[in-house]
Structure formats: C-alpha cells, structure tokens
Protein backbone atom coordinates (compact mmCIF):
# COMPACT_ATOMS: atom_id res chain seq x y z
CA MET A 1 -74.56 50.27 88.12
CA TYR A 2 -72.95 53.78 87.10
CA SER A 3 -74.80 56.63 87.58
CA ILE A 4 -75.27 59.09 84.38
CA LYS A 5 -74.58 61.94 86.90
CA ARG A 6 -71.12 60.53 87.42
CA PHE A 7 -70.30 61.14 83.57
CA VAL A 8 -71.87 64.49 82.81
CA PRO A 9 -68.62 66.46 83.81
CA PHE A 10 -66.76 64.09 81.29
CA ILE A 11 -69.58 64.85 78.69
CA LEU A 12 -69.40 68.70 79.11
CA LEU A 13 -65.61 68.48 78.80
CA ILE A 14 -65.82 66.58 75.44
CA ALA A 15 -68.55 68.87 74.14
CA VAL A 16 -66.43 71.90 75.00
CA LEU A 17 -63.54 70.51 73.56
CA ALA A 18 -65.27 69.42 70.35
CA VAL A 19 -66.46 73.03 69.79
CA ALA A 20 -63.10 74.46 70.67
CA CYS A 21 -61.32 72.44 67.93
CA THR A 22 -63.57 73.05 65.11
CA LYS A 23 -63.59 76.81 65.61
CA GLU A 24 -61.11 78.50 62.82
CA ALA A 25 -57.96 79.60 64.30
CA PRO A 26 -56.37 83.13 63.25
CA VAL A 27 -54.00 83.13 60.63
CA VAL A 28 -50.66 83.49 62.59
CA PRO A 29 -48.24 84.82 60.03
CA GLN A 30 -44.48 85.41 60.43
CA GLU A 31 -43.97 88.86 58.95
CA PRO A 32 -40.96 88.70 56.49
CA ASP A 33 -41.20 92.45 55.97
CA THR A 34 -40.62 93.65 59.50
CA GLU A 35 -37.49 95.19 61.06
CA ASP A 36 -37.63 92.29 63.52
CA PRO A 37 -37.97 89.12 61.36
CA GLY A 38 -38.83 87.29 64.62
CA THR A 39 -42.05 89.25 65.09
CA VAL A 40 -45.43 87.23 65.25
CA VAL A 41 -48.38 89.30 64.29
CA VAL A 42 -52.01 87.78 64.32
CA ILE A 43 -53.78 88.81 61.18
CA THR A 44 -57.34 88.40 61.17
CA ASN A 45 -58.62 87.30 57.59
CA ASN A 46 -61.97 88.58 56.70
CA VAL A 47 -62.79 86.47 53.58
CA ASN A 48 -65.10 83.93 52.98
CA LYS A 49 -63.14 80.70 51.95
CA ASP A 50 -65.73 78.67 50.90
CA THR A 51 -67.36 81.10 48.57
CA LEU A 52 -63.79 81.75 47.05
CA LEU A 53 -63.14 78.41 46.42
CA HIS A 54 -66.58 77.74 45.02
CA LEU A 55 -66.32 80.66 42.60
CA VAL A 56 -62.57 79.52 41.45
CA ASN A 57 -63.56 75.89 41.14
CA GLU A 58 -66.76 76.68 39.12
CA VAL A 59 -64.74 78.54 36.59
CA ARG A 60 -62.20 75.68 36.52
CA ALA A 61 -64.51 73.21 35.99
CA SER A 62 -65.91 75.13 33.16
CA GLY A 63 -63.27 76.40 31.56
CA CYS A 64 -63.11 79.86 30.13
CA ASN A 65 -61.72 82.43 27.73
CA CYS A 66 -58.86 84.42 29.14
CA GLY A 67 -58.31 87.55 26.78
CA GLY A 68 -58.80 85.61 23.76
CA THR A 69 -56.91 82.44 25.17
CA VAL A 70 -59.18 79.31 25.58
CA MET A 71 -58.48 77.86 28.70
CA PRO A 72 -59.97 74.32 29.19
CA PRO A 73 -61.51 72.79 32.23
CA VAL A 74 -58.90 71.82 34.98
CA GLN A 75 -58.88 70.13 38.20
CA PRO A 76 -60.40 71.81 41.25
CA LEU A 77 -58.10 73.56 43.80
CA THR A 78 -58.23 73.14 47.59
CA TRP A 79 -57.57 75.80 50.38
CA ASN A 80 -54.14 75.88 51.84
CA VAL A 81 -53.48 77.76 54.92
CA LEU A 82 -49.51 78.18 54.16
CA LEU A 83 -50.72 80.06 51.08
CA GLU A 84 -53.37 81.93 53.01
CA LEU A 85 -50.81 82.81 55.39
CA ALA A 86 -48.46 84.19 52.48
CA ALA A 87 -51.44 86.10 50.91
CA ALA A 88 -52.34 87.83 54.36
CA ASN A 89 -48.79 88.83 54.81
CA HIS A 90 -48.73 90.40 51.64
CA SER A 91 -52.27 92.18 51.65
CA LYS A 92 -51.47 93.35 55.10
CA ASP A 93 -48.20 94.87 53.97
CA MET A 94 -49.73 96.45 51.04
CA GLN A 95 -52.55 98.07 53.35
CA GLU A 96 -50.11 99.28 56.05
CA ARG A 97 -47.16 100.63 53.40
CA LYS A 98 -49.92 101.91 50.95
CA TYR A 99 -48.45 100.53 47.89
CA PHE A 100 -49.89 98.22 45.13
CA SER A 101 -47.20 95.58 43.70
CA HIS A 102 -46.23 92.08 43.59
CA THR A 103 -42.89 93.21 44.86
CA SER A 104 -43.01 95.08 48.19
CA PRO A 105 -40.78 98.24 48.67
CA ASN A 106 -38.02 96.40 50.25
CA GLY A 107 -37.67 93.97 47.42
CA THR A 108 -39.70 90.94 48.96
CA THR A 109 -41.31 88.88 46.02
CA PRO A 110 -44.25 86.23 45.93
CA LYS A 111 -41.72 83.33 45.91
CA MET A 112 -40.10 84.84 49.17
CA ARG A 113 -43.50 85.22 50.98
CA VAL A 114 -44.32 81.77 50.28
CA GLN A 115 -40.92 80.27 51.31
CA ALA A 116 -41.28 82.32 54.44
CA ALA A 117 -44.78 80.97 55.09
CA GLY A 118 -43.28 77.42 55.15
CA TYR A 119 -44.79 76.24 51.69
CA ASN A 120 -42.48 74.21 49.58
CA TYR A 121 -43.75 74.73 46.01
CA ALA A 122 -43.16 73.01 42.53
CA TRP A 123 -45.20 75.80 41.15
CA MET A 124 -46.70 79.01 42.62
CA GLY A 125 -48.30 82.16 41.34
CA GLU A 126 -49.83 85.20 42.76
CA ASN A 127 -52.89 87.43 41.80
CA ILE A 128 -53.40 90.60 43.66
CA ALA A 129 -56.12 93.26 43.50
CA SER A 130 -57.28 96.58 45.12
CA GLY A 131 -60.54 98.03 45.38
CA PRO A 132 -63.19 95.14 45.35
CA LYS A 133 -65.49 94.60 47.99
CA THR A 134 -66.71 91.12 47.88
CA GLU A 135 -65.37 87.82 46.84
CA LEU A 136 -67.45 87.82 43.61
CA ALA A 137 -65.99 91.23 42.77
CA VAL A 138 -62.58 89.88 43.20
CA ILE A 139 -62.65 86.83 41.42
CA ASN A 140 -64.56 88.66 38.40
CA GLY A 141 -61.87 91.28 38.40
CA TRP A 142 -59.19 88.73 37.97
CA LEU A 143 -61.08 86.66 35.32
CA GLY A 144 -61.56 90.04 33.44
CA SER A 145 -57.52 90.42 33.49
CA PRO A 146 -55.87 88.02 30.79
CA ASP A 147 -52.75 87.41 33.13
CA HIS A 148 -54.78 86.90 36.24
CA CYS A 149 -57.31 84.79 34.48
CA LYS A 150 -54.45 82.28 33.09
CA ASN A 151 -53.01 82.18 36.64
CA LEU A 152 -56.29 81.38 38.16
CA MET A 153 -56.92 78.57 35.36
CA GLY A 154 -53.38 77.24 35.66
CA ALA A 155 -53.59 73.38 35.37
CA GLN A 156 -50.35 73.37 37.31
CA PHE A 157 -51.98 74.47 40.31
CA ARG A 158 -53.44 72.47 43.31
CA GLU A 159 -54.11 74.71 46.08
CA MET A 160 -54.76 78.34 46.74
CA GLY A 161 -55.15 80.81 49.83
CA VAL A 162 -56.54 84.29 49.53
CA ALA A 163 -56.38 86.99 52.18
CA ARG A 164 -57.75 90.41 52.31
CA ALA A 165 -56.71 93.61 54.37
CA GLY A 166 -58.85 96.43 53.84
CA ASN A 167 -59.04 96.59 49.99
CA TYR A 168 -56.13 95.01 49.27
CA TRP A 169 -56.52 91.19 48.16
CA THR A 170 -53.79 88.62 47.61
CA GLN A 171 -54.40 85.47 46.01
CA VAL A 172 -51.54 82.70 46.03
CA LEU A 173 -51.80 79.43 44.03
CA GLY A 174 -49.41 76.61 44.40
CA ALA A 175 -48.53 73.03 43.98
CA ALA A 176 -46.17 71.50 46.81
CA THR A 177 -43.18 69.70 45.98
CA ASN A 178 -43.18 65.73 46.39
CA LYS A 179 -40.77 65.59 49.27
C-alpha cells in the first residue's frame, strides 16, 4: 500500500504549476519604434479584456447605426494576443512621445506594427482614442465616430486586441491569412 503522504509533494507541485500556468502573462512587445530594434520591453496592459470583448460583441450582435450608415449584425470577435501586442506598442509610443495619430512621428503605420507583432493578416484596422478613462467610455466614443464605428462593425474582422497606456487607447482588429 502507498501512503498519501508520499504523494503530497507531487500534488502540491501540480497545484503550483496549475496556478502559475493560468495567470495572464504580461505582454512582451518588440518595439518597432526604438533606436535599437532588438530591444524587448515589457508592457503592462491595464484593460479588462472580458469587458471589452463583451461590449464590442454585444454591439456586433445587435448591429448599429454608424453616422447614418446602418450596420447589420456581424459575427463576434475573439481576443488575439498579437493584435494586443501591436495595440500596446502603439499606445505606449503615443504616451511616451506625446502624439496622437495612426502614424508615428518616424512613419510607422498600423500595418507595420501588426506585421512587427507577428500577425499575418488578410484584413486589419485600427481605432485610437485619447482621454477615455474606462472600457465603456472608449467603446462608446468609437461608436460615436462614424469611421471608428464602421471599423468596429467590419464583418471582415475576426479578432481584436486593445491596449491602453495612460489615456491613450488602441484597438487593432484583424483577420488572419489562411496560411
């Protein structure tokens, strides 16, 4: 017969590993806009991913009016960590360099950021915001802007990632290539 005491260390090890493996890892982006392109920076993304997905998918399921253009219901999105990485890079860059634009001061575009994050896209889009304090406020702001709203409702998109640095928000929407 085996004693339960003999298995306790193994049970504890499995429990510790299970907890460690379920914690969200920080987003570790490769910065495309740094002087040294090999620099790896850890970015803490302080957004509630579940809330963001719920808010976006609730609107996508209902359809909406984007500045006079009726947008029919479309399929829900899923979260993609590579799109989150591209979003985190851009939000952090806008905060640090104090600008607000889809194109960085050195010419980096949304497509370049998505490719640098390792996402191979068939379709991609980007929404940015400056100022909102909550997930609900940023989504409502994007829905109140016809172009941002149409991007958010784009039937071609399958995935998204959102990141915030200070009061700078970036949402990256995408559909991966079928490779």
